[in-house]
N, C-alpha and C. Protein backbone atom coordinates (compact mmCIF):
# COMPACT_ATOMS: atom_id res chain seq x y z
N MET A 1 0.87 -1.21 0.08
CA MET A 1 -0.03 -0.08 -0.32
C MET A 1 0.70 1.18 0.16
N GLN A 2 1.91 1.23 0.68
CA GLN A 2 2.95 2.57 0.51
C GLN A 2 3.62 2.62 -0.54
N ARG A 3 3.71 1.58 -1.44
CA ARG A 3 4.29 1.86 -3.02
C ARG A 3 3.10 2.63 -3.41
N ARG A 4 1.88 2.18 -3.61
CA ARG A 4 1.04 2.88 -4.35
C ARG A 4 0.92 4.31 -3.50
N ASN A 5 0.99 4.59 -2.81
CA ASN A 5 0.73 6.06 -2.30
C ASN A 5 2.03 6.90 -2.88
N PHE A 6 3.32 6.09 -2.48
CA PHE A 6 4.50 6.86 -3.20
C PHE A 6 4.07 7.09 -4.60
N LEU A 7 3.70 6.45 -5.42
CA LEU A 7 3.43 6.47 -6.80
C LEU A 7 2.39 7.41 -7.06
N THR A 8 1.63 7.74 -6.44
CA THR A 8 0.63 8.50 -6.60
C THR A 8 1.02 10.07 -6.20
N LEU A 9 2.14 9.67 -5.23
CA LEU A 9 2.52 11.29 -5.10
C LEU A 9 3.37 11.66 -5.86
N LEU A 10 4.38 10.89 -6.47
CA LEU A 10 5.21 10.83 -7.64
C LEU A 10 4.62 11.54 -8.38
N LEU A 11 3.37 10.98 -9.13
CA LEU A 11 2.67 11.13 -10.22
C LEU A 11 1.96 12.68 -10.15
N GLY A 12 1.69 13.14 -9.05
CA GLY A 12 0.94 14.41 -8.44
C GLY A 12 2.04 15.48 -8.71
N VAL A 13 3.56 15.22 -8.37
CA VAL A 13 4.74 16.10 -8.36
C VAL A 13 4.75 16.52 -9.78
N ALA A 14 5.00 15.08 -10.63
CA ALA A 14 5.66 15.21 -11.75
C ALA A 14 4.43 16.10 -12.36
N THR A 15 3.42 15.69 -12.69
CA THR A 15 2.23 16.75 -13.27
C THR A 15 1.97 18.14 -12.54
N SER A 16 2.68 18.74 -11.52
CA SER A 16 2.30 19.81 -11.24
C SER A 16 3.90 20.50 -11.63
N LEU A 17 4.94 19.57 -11.98
CA LEU A 17 6.15 20.29 -12.37
C LEU A 17 5.74 20.27 -13.90
N LEU A 18 4.88 20.03 -14.56
CA LEU A 18 5.08 20.31 -16.28
C LEU A 18 3.97 21.27 -16.41
N VAL A 19 2.55 21.17 -15.21
CA VAL A 19 1.56 22.50 -15.25
C VAL A 19 2.51 23.62 -15.34
N ALA A 20 3.31 23.83 -13.90
CA ALA A 20 3.80 25.07 -13.85
C ALA A 20 4.02 25.89 -14.81
N PRO A 21 5.54 25.40 -15.60
CA PRO A 21 5.69 26.12 -17.05
C PRO A 21 4.75 26.77 -17.94
N LEU A 22 3.62 26.06 -18.10
CA LEU A 22 2.55 26.24 -18.97
C LEU A 22 1.69 27.37 -18.46
N SER A 23 1.58 27.33 -17.15
CA SER A 23 0.75 28.55 -16.56
C SER A 23 1.65 29.60 -16.52
N ALA A 24 2.87 29.83 -16.49
CA ALA A 24 3.75 30.77 -16.59
C ALA A 24 3.97 31.33 -18.16
N LEU A 25 3.92 30.47 -19.26
CA LEU A 25 3.59 30.52 -20.56
C LEU A 25 2.04 31.72 -20.57
N ALA A 26 1.57 30.69 -20.03
CA ALA A 26 -0.44 31.63 -20.43
C ALA A 26 -0.15 33.23 -19.68
N ALA A 27 0.71 33.15 -18.51
CA ALA A 27 0.79 34.75 -18.01
C ALA A 27 1.39 35.84 -19.18
N VAL A 28 2.33 35.11 -20.00
CA VAL A 28 3.02 36.16 -20.74
C VAL A 28 2.02 36.26 -22.12
N TRP A 29 1.58 35.28 -22.39
CA TRP A 29 0.30 35.35 -23.70
C TRP A 29 -0.17 36.78 -23.91
N ASN A 30 -0.05 37.63 -24.86
CA ASN A 30 -1.07 38.41 -24.69
C ASN A 30 -2.34 38.18 -25.88
N LYS A 31 -3.29 37.60 -25.27
CA LYS A 31 -4.12 36.80 -26.18
C LYS A 31 -4.79 37.88 -27.14
N ALA A 32 -5.30 38.93 -26.26
CA ALA A 32 -6.00 40.27 -26.94
C ALA A 32 -5.47 40.71 -28.00
N ALA A 33 -4.05 40.77 -28.11
CA ALA A 33 -3.29 41.28 -29.44
C ALA A 33 -2.56 40.33 -30.47
N PHE A 34 -2.91 38.97 -30.19
CA PHE A 34 -2.80 37.98 -31.07
C PHE A 34 -4.00 37.62 -31.96
N GLU A 35 -5.35 37.80 -30.88
CA GLU A 35 -6.58 37.40 -31.91
C GLU A 35 -7.39 38.42 -32.23
N THR A 36 -6.92 40.05 -31.88
CA THR A 36 -8.00 41.01 -33.05
C THR A 36 -7.28 41.17 -34.35
N PRO A 37 -8.35 40.88 -35.22
CA PRO A 37 -8.55 41.09 -36.67
C PRO A 37 -7.96 42.80 -37.28
N LYS A 38 -7.80 43.37 -36.13
CA LYS A 38 -7.36 44.93 -36.67
C LYS A 38 -5.98 45.23 -35.94
N LEU A 39 -5.43 45.72 -37.01
CA LEU A 39 -3.62 46.41 -36.95
C LEU A 39 -3.36 46.97 -35.82
N ASP A 40 -4.28 48.44 -35.81
CA ASP A 40 -4.28 49.14 -34.85
C ASP A 40 -4.62 48.61 -33.28
N VAL A 41 -5.46 48.04 -32.99
CA VAL A 41 -5.80 47.16 -32.08
C VAL A 41 -5.03 46.24 -31.35
N ALA A 42 -4.20 45.88 -32.56
CA ALA A 42 -3.03 44.51 -32.30
C ALA A 42 -1.69 45.43 -31.83
N ILE A 43 -1.67 46.45 -31.92
CA ILE A 43 -0.46 47.43 -31.61
C ILE A 43 -0.95 48.01 -30.38
N LYS A 44 -2.06 48.47 -29.95
CA LYS A 44 -2.44 49.18 -28.61
C LYS A 44 -2.31 48.11 -27.71
N SER A 45 -2.79 46.77 -27.96
CA SER A 45 -2.46 45.85 -26.96
C SER A 45 -1.28 45.31 -26.54
N LEU A 46 -0.22 45.67 -27.22
CA LEU A 46 1.00 45.63 -27.23
C LEU A 46 1.58 46.73 -26.64
N ASP A 47 1.24 47.94 -26.11
CA ASP A 47 1.36 48.74 -25.54
C ASP A 47 2.57 49.85 -26.25
N VAL A 48 2.14 49.79 -27.35
CA VAL A 48 2.90 50.48 -28.45
C VAL A 48 2.65 52.12 -28.29
N VAL A 49 3.58 53.23 -28.46
CA VAL A 49 3.33 54.61 -28.48
C VAL A 49 4.38 55.02 -29.07
N ASP A 50 3.87 56.14 -29.91
CA ASP A 50 4.73 56.87 -30.69
C ASP A 50 5.99 56.00 -31.53
N GLU A 51 5.51 54.99 -32.16
CA GLU A 51 6.22 54.69 -33.13
C GLU A 51 7.33 55.52 -34.18
N VAL A 52 8.37 55.19 -33.97
CA VAL A 52 9.40 56.25 -34.97
C VAL A 52 9.94 55.33 -35.86
N VAL A 53 9.80 55.80 -37.31
CA VAL A 53 10.69 54.80 -38.43
C VAL A 53 11.81 54.56 -38.40
N SER A 54 12.62 53.67 -38.52
CA SER A 54 13.81 53.50 -38.23
C SER A 54 14.34 52.78 -39.38
N GLN A 55 15.47 53.18 -40.12
CA GLN A 55 16.33 52.38 -41.28
C GLN A 55 17.29 50.96 -40.51
N ASP A 56 17.46 51.59 -39.04
CA ASP A 56 18.30 50.49 -38.30
C ASP A 56 17.54 49.11 -38.02
N ILE A 57 16.49 48.92 -38.59
CA ILE A 57 15.52 47.45 -38.35
C ILE A 57 15.47 46.89 -40.13
N LEU A 58 16.29 45.93 -39.84
CA LEU A 58 16.13 45.39 -41.67
C LEU A 58 15.58 44.40 -41.60
N ILE A 59 14.72 44.30 -42.57
CA ILE A 59 13.97 43.41 -43.11
C ILE A 59 14.28 42.79 -44.49
N ILE A 60 14.31 41.22 -44.50
CA ILE A 60 15.01 40.71 -45.34
C ILE A 60 13.82 39.50 -45.78
N ALA A 61 13.27 39.98 -47.05
CA ALA A 61 12.16 39.22 -47.36
C ALA A 61 11.97 39.25 -48.76
N LEU A 62 11.43 38.20 -49.55
CA LEU A 62 11.20 38.18 -51.26
C LEU A 62 10.17 39.34 -51.52
N ASP A 63 10.49 40.23 -52.63
CA ASP A 63 9.47 40.90 -52.92
C ASP A 63 8.15 40.49 -53.27
N LYS A 64 8.40 39.20 -54.20
CA LYS A 64 7.09 38.37 -54.63
C LYS A 64 7.25 37.25 -53.99
N ALA A 65 6.30 37.08 -53.44
CA ALA A 65 6.03 35.19 -52.40
C ALA A 65 5.37 34.32 -53.57
N GLU A 66 6.03 33.32 -53.93
CA GLU A 66 5.14 32.61 -54.74
C GLU A 66 3.93 31.87 -54.12
N ASN A 67 4.01 31.44 -53.09
CA ASN A 67 2.74 31.16 -52.00
C ASN A 67 2.76 31.58 -50.62
N GLY A 68 1.86 32.17 -50.48
CA GLY A 68 1.73 33.15 -49.14
C GLY A 68 1.56 32.08 -47.71
N ALA A 69 1.56 30.75 -48.26
CA ALA A 69 1.88 29.88 -46.68
C ALA A 69 3.22 29.90 -46.20
N ILE A 70 3.80 29.91 -47.04
CA ILE A 70 5.51 30.07 -46.63
C ILE A 70 6.07 31.60 -46.95
N VAL A 71 6.18 32.37 -46.40
CA VAL A 71 7.12 33.79 -46.50
C VAL A 71 7.89 33.71 -45.37
N GLN A 72 9.46 33.36 -46.10
CA GLN A 72 10.64 33.48 -45.18
C GLN A 72 10.71 35.04 -44.79
N VAL A 73 11.10 35.60 -43.59
CA VAL A 73 10.93 36.89 -43.13
C VAL A 73 12.71 36.52 -42.26
N GLU A 74 13.44 37.62 -42.29
CA GLU A 74 14.61 37.78 -41.63
C GLU A 74 14.63 38.96 -41.47
N ILE A 75 14.52 39.07 -39.60
CA ILE A 75 14.80 40.54 -39.39
C ILE A 75 16.00 41.06 -38.19
N LYS A 76 16.20 42.01 -38.57
CA LYS A 76 17.67 42.26 -37.47
C LYS A 76 17.60 43.71 -37.24
N SER A 77 18.11 43.50 -35.85
CA SER A 77 17.69 45.24 -35.39
C SER A 77 18.98 45.78 -34.96
N ASN A 78 19.47 46.78 -35.08
CA ASN A 78 20.74 47.48 -35.18
C ASN A 78 20.04 48.60 -34.33
N ILE A 79 19.06 48.17 -33.45
CA ILE A 79 18.79 49.31 -32.12
C ILE A 79 19.34 49.31 -30.91
N ALA A 80 20.38 49.87 -30.53
CA ALA A 80 20.83 49.15 -29.00
C ALA A 80 19.87 49.35 -27.91
N ASN A 81 19.75 48.30 -27.31
CA ASN A 81 19.14 47.64 -26.00
C ASN A 81 17.79 46.92 -26.64
N THR A 82 17.76 46.46 -27.79
CA THR A 82 16.55 45.97 -28.26
C THR A 82 16.03 44.91 -26.93
N GLU A 83 14.85 45.10 -26.78
CA GLU A 83 13.79 44.04 -25.66
C GLU A 83 13.01 43.66 -26.48
N SER A 84 12.52 43.78 -27.75
CA SER A 84 11.16 43.17 -28.02
C SER A 84 10.85 43.51 -29.76
N ILE A 85 10.78 42.49 -30.53
CA ILE A 85 10.59 42.66 -31.77
C ILE A 85 9.36 41.62 -32.14
N SER A 86 8.64 42.68 -32.85
CA SER A 86 7.24 42.09 -33.19
C SER A 86 6.90 42.35 -34.70
N ILE A 87 6.18 41.12 -35.41
CA ILE A 87 5.93 40.88 -36.93
C ILE A 87 4.48 40.75 -36.99
N LEU A 88 3.97 42.13 -37.79
CA LEU A 88 2.64 42.14 -38.09
C LEU A 88 2.48 42.34 -39.42
N VAL A 89 1.25 41.91 -39.96
CA VAL A 89 0.81 41.65 -41.71
C VAL A 89 -0.58 42.35 -41.63
N GLU A 90 -0.70 43.63 -41.97
CA GLU A 90 -2.22 43.97 -41.83
C GLU A 90 -3.04 43.57 -42.11
N LYS A 91 -2.95 43.13 -43.84
CA LYS A 91 -4.16 42.23 -44.32
C LYS A 91 -4.36 40.80 -43.99
N ASN A 92 -4.00 40.05 -43.00
CA ASN A 92 -4.06 38.96 -42.21
C ASN A 92 -5.54 38.99 -41.53
N PRO A 93 -5.86 37.53 -41.32
CA PRO A 93 -7.14 37.38 -40.77
C PRO A 93 -6.82 38.08 -38.97
N THR A 94 -5.72 37.74 -38.58
CA THR A 94 -5.05 38.22 -37.37
C THR A 94 -3.56 38.78 -37.71
N PRO A 95 -3.64 40.33 -37.61
CA PRO A 95 -2.12 40.92 -37.73
C PRO A 95 -1.11 40.69 -36.87
N LEU A 96 -0.70 40.31 -35.99
CA LEU A 96 -0.13 39.97 -35.11
C LEU A 96 0.80 38.45 -35.32
N ILE A 97 1.82 38.29 -35.94
CA ILE A 97 2.21 37.12 -36.20
C ILE A 97 3.20 36.60 -35.27
N ALA A 98 3.91 37.14 -34.70
CA ALA A 98 4.84 36.78 -33.83
C ALA A 98 5.20 38.21 -32.98
N HIS A 99 5.91 37.72 -31.63
CA HIS A 99 6.23 39.02 -31.17
C HIS A 99 7.40 38.04 -30.10
N PHE A 100 8.80 38.55 -30.36
CA PHE A 100 9.85 38.11 -29.78
C PHE A 100 10.56 39.02 -28.51
N LYS A 101 10.76 38.45 -27.55
CA LYS A 101 11.03 39.01 -26.32
C LYS A 101 13.01 38.58 -26.73
N PHE A 102 13.56 39.74 -25.90
CA PHE A 102 15.20 39.26 -25.92
C PHE A 102 15.47 39.43 -24.28
N SER A 103 16.55 38.56 -24.22
CA SER A 103 17.13 38.98 -22.45
C SER A 103 18.40 39.79 -22.94
N ASN A 104 18.98 40.59 -22.14
CA ASN A 104 20.31 41.45 -21.89
C ASN A 104 21.16 40.49 -22.79
N GLY A 105 21.95 40.85 -23.86
CA GLY A 105 23.02 40.66 -24.67
C GLY A 105 22.77 39.60 -25.59
N ALA A 106 21.31 39.26 -25.67
CA ALA A 106 20.85 38.57 -26.86
C ALA A 106 21.01 39.12 -28.14
N GLU A 107 21.29 38.58 -29.23
CA GLU A 107 21.08 39.39 -30.32
C GLU A 107 19.96 39.39 -30.89
N PRO A 108 19.18 40.57 -31.00
CA PRO A 108 18.14 40.80 -31.57
C PRO A 108 17.91 40.64 -33.49
N PHE A 109 17.92 39.57 -33.43
CA PHE A 109 17.65 38.51 -34.84
C PHE A 109 16.87 37.59 -34.75
N VAL A 110 15.91 37.37 -35.88
CA VAL A 110 15.00 36.28 -36.05
C VAL A 110 14.80 36.01 -37.64
N ILE A 111 14.81 34.79 -37.59
CA ILE A 111 14.42 34.24 -38.88
C ILE A 111 13.18 33.21 -38.80
N THR A 112 11.88 33.63 -39.73
CA THR A 112 10.84 32.49 -39.44
C THR A 112 10.35 32.84 -40.68
N ARG A 113 9.29 31.84 -40.61
CA ARG A 113 8.48 31.33 -41.93
C ARG A 113 7.06 32.35 -41.01
N ILE A 114 6.02 32.73 -42.67
CA ILE A 114 4.96 33.58 -42.11
C ILE A 114 3.91 33.01 -43.01
N LYS A 115 2.70 33.47 -42.74
CA LYS A 115 1.71 33.11 -43.51
C LYS A 115 1.25 34.35 -43.89
N MET A 116 0.76 34.59 -45.21
CA MET A 116 0.49 36.07 -45.72
C MET A 116 -0.78 35.49 -46.25
N ALA A 117 -2.34 36.17 -45.93
CA ALA A 117 -3.48 36.15 -46.84
C ALA A 117 -3.34 36.81 -48.01
N GLU A 118 -2.76 37.93 -47.94
CA GLU A 118 -2.78 38.42 -49.68
C GLU A 118 -1.37 39.57 -49.39
N THR A 119 -1.49 40.52 -50.92
CA THR A 119 -0.42 41.12 -50.98
C THR A 119 -0.37 42.77 -49.74
N SER A 120 0.70 42.67 -48.82
CA SER A 120 0.61 43.60 -47.51
C SER A 120 2.15 43.99 -47.37
N ASP A 121 2.02 45.02 -46.24
CA ASP A 121 2.96 45.45 -45.77
C ASP A 121 3.55 44.29 -44.87
N VAL A 122 4.94 43.72 -44.37
CA VAL A 122 5.46 43.29 -43.50
C VAL A 122 5.84 44.24 -42.35
N LYS A 123 4.98 44.36 -41.30
CA LYS A 123 5.51 45.55 -40.68
C LYS A 123 6.09 44.95 -38.96
N VAL A 124 7.54 45.61 -38.69
CA VAL A 124 8.11 45.26 -37.69
C VAL A 124 8.13 46.24 -36.78
N VAL A 125 7.63 46.07 -35.40
CA VAL A 125 7.94 46.85 -34.33
C VAL A 125 9.06 46.73 -33.40
N VAL A 126 9.83 47.45 -33.32
CA VAL A 126 11.07 47.39 -32.04
C VAL A 126 10.76 48.02 -31.00
N LYS A 127 11.02 47.40 -29.49
CA LYS A 127 10.82 48.12 -28.25
C LYS A 127 12.14 47.94 -27.88
N ALA A 128 13.06 49.42 -27.47
CA ALA A 128 14.32 49.63 -26.88
C ALA A 128 13.76 50.46 -25.85
N GLY A 129 14.10 50.40 -24.92
CA GLY A 129 13.76 51.08 -23.34
C GLY A 129 12.23 51.33 -23.24
N ALA A 130 11.76 52.82 -23.57
CA ALA A 130 10.92 53.47 -23.54
C ALA A 130 10.09 53.55 -24.91
N GLN A 131 11.25 53.22 -25.98
CA GLN A 131 11.03 53.97 -27.37
C GLN A 131 10.20 52.98 -28.06
N TYR A 132 9.65 52.94 -29.00
CA TYR A 132 9.23 52.05 -30.33
C TYR A 132 9.37 52.47 -31.69
N PHE A 133 10.25 51.58 -32.28
CA PHE A 133 10.71 51.77 -33.60
C PHE A 133 9.87 50.82 -34.80
N THR A 134 9.96 51.37 -35.83
CA THR A 134 8.99 50.56 -36.92
C THR A 134 9.95 50.87 -38.50
N ASN A 135 9.36 49.58 -39.16
CA ASN A 135 10.01 49.63 -40.44
C ASN A 135 8.96 48.86 -41.01
N ALA A 136 8.96 48.60 -42.33
CA ALA A 136 7.97 47.73 -43.34
C ALA A 136 8.54 47.77 -44.41
N LYS A 137 8.06 46.37 -45.04
CA LYS A 137 8.60 46.08 -46.35
C LYS A 137 7.53 45.25 -46.94
N ASN A 138 7.06 45.83 -48.48
CA ASN A 138 5.95 45.21 -48.86
C ASN A 138 6.29 43.91 -49.63
N VAL A 139 5.16 42.71 -49.44
CA VAL A 139 5.37 41.70 -49.89
C VAL A 139 4.10 41.44 -50.83
N ILE A 140 4.71 41.11 -52.20
CA ILE A 140 3.64 40.67 -53.23
C ILE A 140 3.32 39.54 -53.06
N VAL A 141 1.81 38.99 -52.55
CA VAL A 141 1.74 37.22 -52.60
C VAL A 141 1.23 37.22 -54.19
N LEU A 142 1.65 35.72 -54.72
CA LEU A 142 1.06 35.33 -55.90
C LEU A 142 -0.23 34.51 -55.83
N GLU A 143 0.00 33.78 -54.55
CA GLU A 143 -1.07 32.89 -54.17
C GLU A 143 -1.23 32.35 -52.72
N ASN A 144 -2.52 33.09 -52.23
CA ASN A 144 -3.28 33.14 -50.97
C ASN A 144 -2.38 31.74 -50.25
N GLY A 145 -2.37 32.43 -48.93
CA GLY A 145 -1.61 31.55 -47.84
C GLY A 145 -2.49 31.24 -46.73
N CYS A 146 -3.45 31.81 -46.84
CA CYS A 146 -4.59 32.07 -45.51
C CYS A 146 -5.78 31.47 -45.95
N GLY A 147 -6.24 30.15 -45.64
CA GLY A 147 -7.42 30.00 -46.08
C GLY A 147 -7.99 28.72 -45.28
């Protein structure tokens, strides 16, 4: 009987250890920003104020994407003390595609593949300190990727 109680206790502890990180992740998840269909609401949900256009944000993506289901985007921020990079596509069903946070000393560089519903700007918002910077690149989508 003691062995059964021990195994039950061990299973309970293991479950708690697995669920705790998921709870922490849920606390960081900005559900409102990711689920809104409007670009301005997504930006507001990220607490972005007074964006400044900056050429120090490099966006590398094809000018024409054959298939909107797979659009590779490479982003590099040359802005000192970059804390986060957000990727938005206005003409998508949900414009906020990704939001990356960086620890002190981490290189603010991201390569990812995104889906694009149609031709639109890929907008990048970088947070550095209390300031927000932005840049955008237009990508022509030849075949719809969100369907």
